[in-house]
Every structure is written in C-alpha cells, then in structure tokens.
C-alpha cells in the first residue's frame, strides 16, 4: 500500500506551502528547498498555479538567482533585500524562520 509523504493530502500540502511563503517577512527570502525540502519543485508549481495572492517573489533558487527575472529582482530590491549583482545575497537575506 502506498504511503503519503508526511501524511498530508495534496490540499494540505499546498496550504502548508502557501502558509510558509506568506510567513516570509518583507526584506527577506527563502529558497524553494527551505519551503519544502522534500519537494522544492512542487513549491514552484504551487506558486505558479495558485490564484491566491502570496509574496511569491520572496522565494528564490538555492544559489540566489530568481526564476522570474527583472520583475522579481525589482520587487526584491524595492523591499531592500540584499543583492550581489543579479543574485540575492542569501547570507544576509535568508529568513531562518519556518512555519510548522
């Protein structure tokens, strides 16, 4: 019998991902893997497909690059997120918090 990872149904997992993204404070970021270490690609899918208003721009790749180019960089810069060129400076911008 197949088991569900972490015991969550797809709707619960999506809600948990969205809650974690909403919890990232202005001026900080987290990586896709920070949001869900077991399924960072799922985080991207949820953010790309949700009709809900979430601060998607605060989620970046593990190397500090962004998936949505100048639009995302501009939003992060307006929030005062520390940058190193076209990458987020994760040493200073990564929010260590989490939502369980």
PDB file of N, CA and C in Angstrom:
ATOM      1  N   UNK A   1       0.840  -1.179   0.000  1.00  0.00           N
ATOM      2  CA  UNK A   1       0.000   0.000   0.000  1.00  0.00           C
ATOM      3  C   UNK A   1       0.887   1.246   0.000  1.00  0.00           C
ATOM      4  N   UNK A   2       0.668   2.168  -0.948  1.00  0.00           N
ATOM      5  CA  UNK A   2       1.492   3.372  -0.988  1.00  0.00           C
ATOM      6  C   UNK A   2       1.238   4.262   0.221  1.00  0.00           C
ATOM      7  N   UNK A   3       2.286   4.944   0.657  1.00  0.00           N
ATOM      8  CA  UNK A   3       2.132   5.872   1.772  1.00  0.00           C
ATOM      9  C   UNK A   3       2.294   7.296   1.268  1.00  0.00           C
ATOM     10  N   UNK A   4       1.609   8.200   1.925  1.00  0.00           N
ATOM     11  CA  UNK A   4       1.740   9.611   1.577  1.00  0.00           C
ATOM     12  C   UNK A   4       2.881  10.219   2.364  1.00  0.00           C
ATOM     13  N   UNK A   5       3.744  10.952   1.669  1.00  0.00           N
ATOM     14  CA  UNK A   5       4.861  11.609   2.331  1.00  0.00           C
ATOM     15  C   UNK A   5       4.313  12.602   3.350  1.00  0.00           C
ATOM     16  N   UNK A   6       4.829  12.554   4.557  1.00  0.00           N
ATOM     17  CA  UNK A   6       4.481  13.430   5.663  1.00  0.00           C
ATOM     18  C   UNK A   6       3.006  13.358   6.030  1.00  0.00           C
ATOM     19  N   UNK A   7       2.268  12.393   5.515  1.00  0.00           N
ATOM     20  CA  UNK A   7       0.886  12.190   5.901  1.00  0.00           C
ATOM     21  C   UNK A   7      -0.078  13.274   5.455  1.00  0.00           C
ATOM     22  N   UNK A   8       0.312  14.103   4.515  1.00  0.00           N
ATOM     23  CA  UNK A   8      -0.554  15.193   4.078  1.00  0.00           C
ATOM     24  C   UNK A   8      -1.201  14.868   2.743  1.00  0.00           C
ATOM     25  N   UNK A   9      -2.463  15.221   2.599  1.00  0.00           N
ATOM     26  CA  UNK A   9      -3.065  15.087   1.280  1.00  0.00           C
ATOM     27  C   UNK A   9      -2.629  16.285   0.438  1.00  0.00           C
ATOM     28  N   UNK A  10      -2.817  16.244  -0.881  1.00  0.00           N
ATOM     29  CA  UNK A  10      -2.327  17.342  -1.723  1.00  0.00           C
ATOM     30  C   UNK A  10      -2.833  18.724  -1.324  1.00  0.00           C
ATOM     31  N   UNK A  11      -4.068  18.838  -0.911  1.00  0.00           N
ATOM     32  CA  UNK A  11      -4.602  20.127  -0.491  1.00  0.00           C
ATOM     33  C   UNK A  11      -3.938  20.661   0.762  1.00  0.00           C
ATOM     34  N   UNK A  12      -3.674  19.774   1.719  1.00  0.00           N
ATOM     35  CA  UNK A  12      -2.997  20.184   2.955  1.00  0.00           C
ATOM     36  C   UNK A  12      -1.564  20.615   2.668  1.00  0.00           C
ATOM     37  N   UNK A  13      -0.900  19.901   1.795  1.00  0.00           N
ATOM     38  CA  UNK A  13       0.485  20.240   1.465  1.00  0.00           C
ATOM     39  C   UNK A  13       0.544  21.599   0.770  1.00  0.00           C
ATOM     40  N   UNK A  14      -0.376  21.835  -0.149  1.00  0.00           N
ATOM     41  CA  UNK A  14      -0.434  23.123  -0.837  1.00  0.00           C
ATOM     42  C   UNK A  14      -0.681  24.245   0.164  1.00  0.00           C
ATOM     43  N   UNK A  15      -1.591  24.054   1.074  1.00  0.00           N
ATOM     44  CA  UNK A  15      -1.887  25.084   2.076  1.00  0.00           C
ATOM     45  C   UNK A  15      -0.675  25.342   2.971  1.00  0.00           C
ATOM     46  N   UNK A  16       0.058  24.293   3.304  1.00  0.00           N
ATOM     47  CA  UNK A  16       1.261  24.458   4.124  1.00  0.00           C
ATOM     48  C   UNK A  16       2.314  25.260   3.368  1.00  0.00           C
ATOM     49  N   UNK A  17       2.500  24.961   2.079  1.00  0.00           N
ATOM     50  CA  UNK A  17       3.456  25.709   1.258  1.00  0.00           C
ATOM     51  C   UNK A  17       3.064  27.183   1.205  1.00  0.00           C
ATOM     52  N   UNK A  18       1.800  27.465   0.938  1.00  0.00           N
ATOM     53  CA  UNK A  18       1.347  28.852   0.851  1.00  0.00           C
ATOM     54  C   UNK A  18       1.505  29.572   2.190  1.00  0.00           C
ATOM     55  N   UNK A  19       1.245  28.890   3.291  1.00  0.00           N
ATOM     56  CA  UNK A  19       1.422  29.492   4.609  1.00  0.00           C
ATOM     57  C   UNK A  19       2.881  29.837   4.861  1.00  0.00           C
ATOM     58  N   UNK A  20       3.786  28.963   4.453  1.00  0.00           N
ATOM     59  CA  UNK A  20       5.211  29.231   4.640  1.00  0.00           C
ATOM     60  C   UNK A  20       5.675  30.411   3.799  1.00  0.00           C
ATOM     61  N   UNK A  21       5.168  30.525   2.595  1.00  0.00           N
ATOM     62  CA  UNK A  21       5.539  31.656   1.739  1.00  0.00           C
ATOM     63  C   UNK A  21       4.984  32.956   2.326  1.00  0.00           C
ATOM     64  N   UNK A  22       3.748  32.936   2.783  1.00  0.00           N
ATOM     65  CA  UNK A  22       3.154  34.136   3.394  1.00  0.00           C
ATOM     66  C   UNK A  22       3.910  34.578   4.645  1.00  0.00           C
ATOM     67  N   UNK A  23       4.551  33.658   5.332  1.00  0.00           N
ATOM     68  CA  UNK A  23       5.248  33.964   6.582  1.00  0.00           C
ATOM     69  C   UNK A  23       6.595  34.654   6.368  1.00  0.00           C
ATOM     70  N   UNK A  24       7.120  34.653   5.156  1.00  0.00           N
ATOM     71  CA  UNK A  24       8.420  35.281   4.900  1.00  0.00           C
ATOM     72  C   UNK A  24       8.251  36.791   5.026  1.00  0.00           C
ATOM     73  N   UNK A  25       8.972  37.422   5.944  1.00  0.00           N
ATOM     74  CA  UNK A  25       8.811  38.869   6.135  1.00  0.00           C
ATOM     75  C   UNK A  25       9.374  39.678   4.966  1.00  0.00           C
ATOM     76  N   UNK A  26       8.846  40.855   4.811  1.00  0.00           N
ATOM     77  CA  UNK A  26       9.333  41.806   3.820  1.00  0.00           C
ATOM     78  C   UNK A  26      10.833  42.042   4.059  1.00  0.00           C
ATOM     79  N   UNK A  27      11.606  42.035   2.979  1.00  0.00           N
ATOM     80  CA  UNK A  27      13.044  42.253   3.083  1.00  0.00           C
ATOM     81  C   UNK A  27      13.856  40.978   3.233  1.00  0.00           C
ATOM     82  N   UNK A  28      13.178  39.833   3.259  1.00  0.00           N
ATOM     83  CA  UNK A  28      13.846  38.542   3.400  1.00  0.00           C
ATOM     84  C   UNK A  28      13.370  37.588   2.312  1.00  0.00           C
ATOM     85  N   UNK A  29      14.101  36.487   2.144  1.00  0.00           N
ATOM     86  CA  UNK A  29      13.728  35.445   1.186  1.00  0.00           C
ATOM     87  C   UNK A  29      13.933  34.078   1.817  1.00  0.00           C
ATOM     88  N   UNK A  30      13.379  33.089   1.160  1.00  0.00           N
ATOM     89  CA  UNK A  30      13.701  31.685   1.430  1.00  0.00           C
ATOM     90  C   UNK A  30      13.853  31.010   0.079  1.00  0.00           C
ATOM     91  N   UNK A  31      14.516  29.858   0.080  1.00  0.00           N
ATOM     92  CA  UNK A  31      14.659  29.101  -1.154  1.00  0.00           C
ATOM     93  C   UNK A  31      13.496  28.129  -1.287  1.00  0.00           C
ATOM     94  N   UNK A  32      13.331  27.605  -2.492  1.00  0.00           N
ATOM     95  CA  UNK A  32      12.290  26.596  -2.711  1.00  0.00           C
ATOM     96  C   UNK A  32      12.489  25.432  -1.748  1.00  0.00           C
ATOM     97  N   UNK A  33      13.742  25.034  -1.536  1.00  0.00           N
ATOM     98  CA  UNK A  33      14.049  23.938  -0.621  1.00  0.00           C
ATOM     99  C   UNK A  33      13.804  24.274   0.836  1.00  0.00           C
ATOM    100  N   UNK A  34      13.913  25.547   1.200  1.00  0.00           N
ATOM    101  CA  UNK A  34      13.576  25.950   2.568  1.00  0.00           C
ATOM    102  C   UNK A  34      12.087  25.752   2.825  1.00  0.00           C
ATOM    103  N   UNK A  35      11.288  26.038   1.817  1.00  0.00           N
ATOM    104  CA  UNK A  35       9.832  25.948   1.955  1.00  0.00           C
ATOM    105  C   UNK A  35       9.394  24.491   2.087  1.00  0.00           C
ATOM    106  N   UNK A  36       9.929  23.621   1.259  1.00  0.00           N
ATOM    107  CA  UNK A  36       9.619  22.186   1.336  1.00  0.00           C
ATOM    108  C   UNK A  36      10.844  21.403   0.878  1.00  0.00           C
ATOM    109  N   UNK A  37      11.695  20.998   1.817  1.00  0.00           N
ATOM    110  CA  UNK A  37      12.929  20.304   1.461  1.00  0.00           C
ATOM    111  C   UNK A  37      12.724  19.024   0.653  1.00  0.00           C
ATOM    112  N   UNK A  38      11.589  18.373   0.846  1.00  0.00           N
ATOM    113  CA  UNK A  38      11.341  17.118   0.142  1.00  0.00           C
ATOM    114  C   UNK A  38      10.829  17.333  -1.279  1.00  0.00           C
ATOM    115  N   UNK A  39      10.374  18.553  -1.583  1.00  0.00           N
ATOM    116  CA  UNK A  39       9.774  18.767  -2.900  1.00  0.00           C
ATOM    117  C   UNK A  39       9.883  20.232  -3.350  1.00  0.00           C
ATOM    118  N   UNK A  40      11.107  20.725  -3.576  1.00  0.00           N
ATOM    119  CA  UNK A  40      11.242  22.126  -3.989  1.00  0.00           C
ATOM    120  C   UNK A  40      10.552  22.436  -5.316  1.00  0.00           C
ATOM    121  N   UNK A  41      10.496  21.478  -6.223  1.00  0.00           N
ATOM    122  CA  UNK A  41       9.804  21.723  -7.492  1.00  0.00           C
ATOM    123  C   UNK A  41       8.306  21.883  -7.293  1.00  0.00           C
ATOM    124  N   UNK A  42       7.771  21.175  -6.324  1.00  0.00           N
ATOM    125  CA  UNK A  42       6.353  21.328  -6.011  1.00  0.00           C
ATOM    126  C   UNK A  42       6.060  22.746  -5.546  1.00  0.00           C
ATOM    127  N   UNK A  43       6.979  23.332  -4.787  1.00  0.00           N
ATOM    128  CA  UNK A  43       6.810  24.713  -4.333  1.00  0.00           C
ATOM    129  C   UNK A  43       6.667  25.630  -5.543  1.00  0.00           C
ATOM    130  N   UNK A  44       7.538  25.463  -6.535  1.00  0.00           N
ATOM    131  CA  UNK A  44       7.444  26.268  -7.744  1.00  0.00           C
ATOM    132  C   UNK A  44       6.131  26.072  -8.466  1.00  0.00           C
ATOM    133  N   UNK A  45       5.681  24.840  -8.543  1.00  0.00           N
ATOM    134  CA  UNK A  45       4.403  24.549  -9.199  1.00  0.00           C
ATOM    135  C   UNK A  45       3.243  25.210  -8.461  1.00  0.00           C
ATOM    136  N   UNK A  46       3.245  25.108  -7.145  1.00  0.00           N
ATOM    137  CA  UNK A  46       2.172  25.714  -6.347  1.00  0.00           C
ATOM    138  C   UNK A  46       2.165  27.224  -6.553  1.00  0.00           C
ATOM    139  N   UNK A  47       3.333  27.850  -6.506  1.00  0.00           N
ATOM    140  CA  UNK A  47       3.393  29.299  -6.674  1.00  0.00           C
ATOM    141  C   UNK A  47       2.958  29.728  -8.070  1.00  0.00           C
ATOM    142  N   UNK A  48       3.292  28.925  -9.069  1.00  0.00           N
ATOM    143  CA  UNK A  48       2.934  29.268 -10.449  1.00  0.00           C
ATOM    144  C   UNK A  48       1.449  29.071 -10.733  1.00  0.00           C
ATOM    145  N   UNK A  49       0.809  28.209  -9.975  1.00  0.00           N
ATOM    146  CA  UNK A  49      -0.572  27.864 -10.303  1.00  0.00           C
ATOM    147  C   UNK A  49      -1.623  28.367  -9.316  1.00  0.00           C
ATOM    148  N   UNK A  50      -1.202  28.944  -8.207  1.00  0.00           N
ATOM    149  CA  UNK A  50      -2.197  29.375  -7.225  1.00  0.00           C
ATOM    150  C   UNK A  50      -2.864  30.685  -7.644  1.00  0.00           C
ATOM    151  N   UNK A  51      -4.165  30.782  -7.443  1.00  0.00           N
ATOM    152  CA  UNK A  51      -4.846  32.053  -7.689  1.00  0.00           C
ATOM    153  C   UNK A  51      -4.733  32.994  -6.478  1.00  0.00           C
ATOM    154  N   UNK A  52      -4.184  32.501  -5.385  1.00  0.00           N
ATOM    155  CA  UNK A  52      -4.083  33.290  -4.156  1.00  0.00           C
ATOM    156  C   UNK A  52      -2.954  34.307  -4.248  1.00  0.00           C
ATOM    157  N   UNK A  53      -3.137  35.412  -3.538  1.00  0.00           N
ATOM    158  CA  UNK A  53      -2.139  36.465  -3.505  1.00  0.00           C
ATOM    159  C   UNK A  53      -1.108  36.130  -2.427  1.00  0.00           C
ATOM    160  N   UNK A  54       0.070  35.739  -2.855  1.00  0.00           N
ATOM    161  CA  UNK A  54       1.159  35.411  -1.934  1.00  0.00           C
ATOM    162  C   UNK A  54       2.414  36.138  -2.406  1.00  0.00           C
ATOM    163  N   UNK A  55       3.361  36.409  -1.500  1.00  0.00           N
ATOM    164  CA  UNK A  55       4.596  37.092  -1.896  1.00  0.00           C
ATOM    165  C   UNK A  55       5.583  36.130  -2.573  1.00  0.00           C
ATOM    166  N   UNK A  56       5.201  35.636  -3.738  1.00  0.00           N
ATOM    167  CA  UNK A  56       5.970  34.651  -4.498  1.00  0.00           C
ATOM    168  C   UNK A  56       7.394  35.118  -4.777  1.00  0.00           C
ATOM    169  N   UNK A  57       7.565  36.426  -4.892  1.00  0.00           N
ATOM    170  CA  UNK A  57       8.879  36.977  -5.245  1.00  0.00           C
ATOM    171  C   UNK A  57       9.920  36.758  -4.150  1.00  0.00           C
ATOM    172  N   UNK A  58       9.490  36.391  -2.940  1.00  0.00           N
ATOM    173  CA  UNK A  58      10.416  36.155  -1.836  1.00  0.00           C
ATOM    174  C   UNK A  58      10.964  34.729  -1.816  1.00  0.00           C
ATOM    175  N   UNK A  59      10.648  33.946  -2.835  1.00  0.00           N
ATOM    176  CA  UNK A  59      11.154  32.580  -2.939  1.00  0.00           C
ATOM    177  C   UNK A  59      12.132  32.537  -4.117  1.00  0.00           C
ATOM    178  N   UNK A  60      13.369  32.121  -3.816  1.00  0.00           N
ATOM    179  CA  UNK A  60      14.434  32.131  -4.822  1.00  0.00           C
ATOM    180  C   UNK A  60      15.111  30.762  -4.891  1.00  0.00           C
ATOM    181  N   UNK A  61      15.947  30.600  -5.897  1.00  0.00           N
ATOM    182  CA  UNK A  61      16.710  29.357  -6.042  1.00  0.00           C
ATOM    183  C   UNK A  61      17.811  29.283  -4.987  1.00  0.00           C
ATOM    184  N   UNK A  62      18.341  28.099  -4.786  1.00  0.00           N
ATOM    185  CA  UNK A  62      19.354  27.856  -3.759  1.00  0.00           C
ATOM    186  C   UNK A  62      20.642  28.639  -3.986  1.00  0.00           C
ATOM    187  N   UNK A  63      20.892  29.068  -5.225  1.00  0.00           N
ATOM    188  CA  UNK A  63      22.099  29.852  -5.500  1.00  0.00           C
ATOM    189  C   UNK A  63      21.832  31.355  -5.493  1.00  0.00           C
ATOM    190  N   UNK A  64      20.627  31.758  -5.106  1.00  0.00           N
ATOM    191  CA  UNK A  64      20.282  33.165  -5.020  1.00  0.00           C
ATOM    192  C   UNK A  64      19.726  33.760  -6.301  1.00  0.00           C
ATOM    193  N   UNK A  65      19.684  32.991  -7.376  1.00  0.00           N
ATOM    194  CA  UNK A  65      19.094  33.506  -8.608  1.00  0.00           C
ATOM    195  C   UNK A  65      17.581  33.436  -8.506  1.00  0.00           C
ATOM    196  N   UNK A  66      16.929  34.184  -9.404  1.00  0.00           N
ATOM    197  CA  UNK A  66      15.470  34.250  -9.379  1.00  0.00           C
ATOM    198  C   UNK A  66      14.896  33.615 -10.635  1.00  0.00           C
ATOM    199  N   UNK A  67      13.697  33.088 -10.505  1.00  0.00           N
ATOM    200  CA  UNK A  67      13.051  32.404 -11.625  1.00  0.00           C
ATOM    201  C   UNK A  67      12.338  33.375 -12.561  1.00  0.00           C
ATOM    202  N   UNK A  68      11.936  34.539 -12.051  1.00  0.00           N
ATOM    203  CA  UNK A  68      11.095  35.442 -12.833  1.00  0.00           C
ATOM    204  C   UNK A  68      11.813  36.710 -13.294  1.00  0.00           C
ATOM    205  N   UNK A  69      13.122  36.684 -13.335  1.00  0.00           N
ATOM    206  CA  UNK A  69      13.907  37.754 -13.939  1.00  0.00           C
ATOM    207  C   UNK A  69      13.760  39.125 -13.306  1.00  0.00           C
ATOM    208  N   UNK A  70      13.812  40.155 -14.162  1.00  0.00           N
ATOM    209  CA  UNK A  70      13.819  41.546 -13.699  1.00  0.00           C
ATOM    210  C   UNK A  70      12.608  41.896 -12.844  1.00  0.00           C
ATOM    211  N   UNK A  71      11.458  41.355 -13.184  1.00  0.00           N
ATOM    212  CA  UNK A  71      10.257  41.641 -12.408  1.00  0.00           C
ATOM    213  C   UNK A  71      10.453  41.243 -10.942  1.00  0.00           C
ATOM    214  N   UNK A  72      10.961  40.052 -10.728  1.00  0.00           N
ATOM    215  CA  UNK A  72      11.188  39.565  -9.367  1.00  0.00           C
ATOM    216  C   UNK A  72      12.315  40.339  -8.697  1.00  0.00           C
ATOM    217  N   UNK A  73      13.399  40.575  -9.421  1.00  0.00           N
ATOM    218  CA  UNK A  73      14.515  41.333  -8.849  1.00  0.00           C
ATOM    219  C   UNK A  73      14.065  42.730  -8.421  1.00  0.00           C
ATOM    220  N   UNK A  74      13.249  43.365  -9.246  1.00  0.00           N
ATOM    221  CA  UNK A  74      12.756  44.694  -8.907  1.00  0.00           C
ATOM    222  C   UNK A  74      11.939  44.699  -7.632  1.00  0.00           C
ATOM    223  N   UNK A  75      11.082  43.729  -7.476  1.00  0.00           N
ATOM    224  CA  UNK A  75      10.273  43.634  -6.250  1.00  0.00           C
ATOM    225  C   UNK A  75      11.168  43.442  -5.027  1.00  0.00           C
ATOM    226  N   UNK A  76      12.161  42.567  -5.154  1.00  0.00           N
ATOM    227  CA  UNK A  76      13.064  42.304  -4.035  1.00  0.00           C
ATOM    228  C   UNK A  76      13.887  43.545  -3.704  1.00  0.00           C
ATOM    229  N   UNK A  77      14.376  44.229  -4.721  1.00  0.00           N
ATOM    230  CA  UNK A  77      15.157  45.446  -4.494  1.00  0.00           C
ATOM    231  C   UNK A  77      14.315  46.507  -3.793  1.00  0.00           C
ATOM    232  N   UNK A  78      13.057  46.673  -4.188  1.00  0.00           N
ATOM    233  CA  UNK A  78      12.167  47.659  -3.540  1.00  0.00           C
ATOM    234  C   UNK A  78      11.919  47.313  -2.072  1.00  0.00           C
ATOM    235  N   UNK A  79      12.008  46.032  -1.729  1.00  0.00           N
ATOM    236  CA  UNK A  79      11.833  45.623  -0.330  1.00  0.00           C
ATOM    237  C   UNK A  79      13.139  45.710   0.461  1.00  0.00           C
ATOM    238  N   UNK A  80      14.227  46.056  -0.211  1.00  0.00           N
ATOM    239  CA  UNK A  80      15.510  46.191   0.481  1.00  0.00           C
ATOM    240  C   UNK A  80      16.252  44.887   0.687  1.00  0.00           C
ATOM    241  N   UNK A  81      15.937  43.872  -0.101  1.00  0.00           N
ATOM    242  CA  UNK A  81      16.633  42.584   0.011  1.00  0.00           C
ATOM    243  C   UNK A  81      18.076  42.759  -0.456  1.00  0.00           C
ATOM    244  N   UNK A  82      19.065  42.346   0.340  1.00  0.00           N
ATOM    245  CA  UNK A  82      20.465  42.479  -0.056  1.00  0.00           C
ATOM    246  C   UNK A  82      20.767  41.655  -1.320  1.00  0.00           C
ATOM    247  N   UNK A  83      21.454  42.291  -2.256  1.00  0.00           N
ATOM    248  CA  UNK A  83      21.774  41.656  -3.535  1.00  0.00           C
ATOM    249  C   UNK A  83      23.285  41.656  -3.752  1.00  0.00           C
ATOM    250  N   UNK A  84      23.715  40.732  -4.606  1.00  0.00           N
ATOM    251  CA  UNK A  84      25.088  40.694  -5.120  1.00  0.00           C
ATOM    252  C   UNK A  84      24.947  40.554  -6.623  1.00  0.00           C
ATOM    253  N   UNK A  85      24.927  41.669  -7.310  1.00  0.00           N
ATOM    254  CA  UNK A  85      24.673  41.647  -8.744  1.00  0.00           C
ATOM    255  C   UNK A  85      23.217  41.281  -8.987  1.00  0.00           C
ATOM    256  N   UNK A  86      22.991  40.250  -9.808  1.00  0.00           N
ATOM    257  CA  UNK A  86      21.634  39.792 -10.108  1.00  0.00           C
ATOM    258  C   UNK A  86      21.219  38.603  -9.248  1.00  0.00           C
ATOM    259  N   UNK A  87      21.883  38.435  -8.124  1.00  0.00           N
ATOM    260  CA  UNK A  87      21.547  37.349  -7.198  1.00  0.00           C
ATOM    261  C   UNK A  87      21.240  37.924  -5.823  1.00  0.00           C
ATOM    262  N   UNK A  88      20.385  37.233  -5.124  1.00  0.00           N
ATOM    263  CA  UNK A  88      20.109  37.586  -3.733  1.00  0.00           C
ATOM    264  C   UNK A  88      21.302  37.133  -2.898  1.00  0.00           C
ATOM    265  N   UNK A  89      21.738  37.975  -1.985  1.00  0.00           N
ATOM    266  CA  UNK A  89      22.810  37.623  -1.061  1.00  0.00           C
ATOM    267  C   UNK A  89      22.189  36.806   0.074  1.00  0.00           C
ATOM    268  N   UNK A  90      22.185  35.499  -0.106  1.00  0.00           N
ATOM    269  CA  UNK A  90      21.498  34.621   0.849  1.00  0.00           C
ATOM    270  C   UNK A  90      22.105  34.667   2.247  1.00  0.00           C
ATOM    271  N   UNK A  91      23.382  35.010   2.357  1.00  0.00           N
ATOM    272  CA  UNK A  91      23.989  35.090   3.693  1.00  0.00           C
ATOM    273  C   UNK A  91      23.305  36.152   4.549  1.00  0.00           C
ATOM    274  N   UNK A  92      22.782  37.187   3.903  1.00  0.00           N
ATOM    275  CA  UNK A  92      22.158  38.278   4.647  1.00  0.00           C
ATOM    276  C   UNK A  92      20.630  38.325   4.482  1.00  0.00           C
ATOM    277  N   UNK A  93      20.123  37.757   3.416  1.00  0.00           N
ATOM    278  CA  UNK A  93      18.691  37.895   3.104  1.00  0.00           C
ATOM    279  C   UNK A  93      17.850  36.690   3.480  1.00  0.00           C
ATOM    280  N   UNK A  94      18.475  35.564   3.752  1.00  0.00           N
ATOM    281  CA  UNK A  94      17.709  34.340   4.012  1.00  0.00           C
ATOM    282  C   UNK A  94      17.056  34.396   5.378  1.00  0.00           C
ATOM    283  N   UNK A  95      15.743  34.238   5.387  1.00  0.00           N
ATOM    284  CA  UNK A  95      14.995  34.226   6.634  1.00  0.00           C
ATOM    285  C   UNK A  95      15.069  32.841   7.246  1.00  0.00           C
ATOM    286  N   UNK A  96      15.527  32.709   8.484  1.00  0.00           N
ATOM    287  CA  UNK A  96      15.679  31.391   9.089  1.00  0.00           C
ATOM    288  C   UNK A  96      14.403  30.811   9.658  1.00  0.00           C
ATOM    289  N   UNK A  97      13.352  31.593   9.718  1.00  0.00           N
ATOM    290  CA  UNK A  97      12.110  31.133  10.322  1.00  0.00           C
ATOM    291  C   UNK A  97      11.391  30.094   9.490  1.00  0.00           C
ATOM    292  N   UNK A  98      10.434  29.463  10.099  1.00  0.00           N
ATOM    293  CA  UNK A  98       9.620  28.480   9.385  1.00  0.00           C
ATOM    294  C   UNK A  98       8.259  28.379  10.037  1.00  0.00           C
ATOM    295  N   UNK A  99       7.356  27.811   9.284  1.00  0.00           N
ATOM    296  CA  UNK A  99       6.013  27.562   9.798  1.00  0.00           C
ATOM    297  C   UNK A  99       5.850  26.056   9.835  1.00  0.00           C
ATOM    298  N   UNK A 100       5.457  25.513  10.937  1.00  0.00           N
ATOM    299  CA  UNK A 100       5.290  24.051  11.014  1.00  0.00           C
ATOM    300  C   UNK A 100       3.859  23.661  10.797  1.00  0.00           C
TER     301      UNK A 100
END
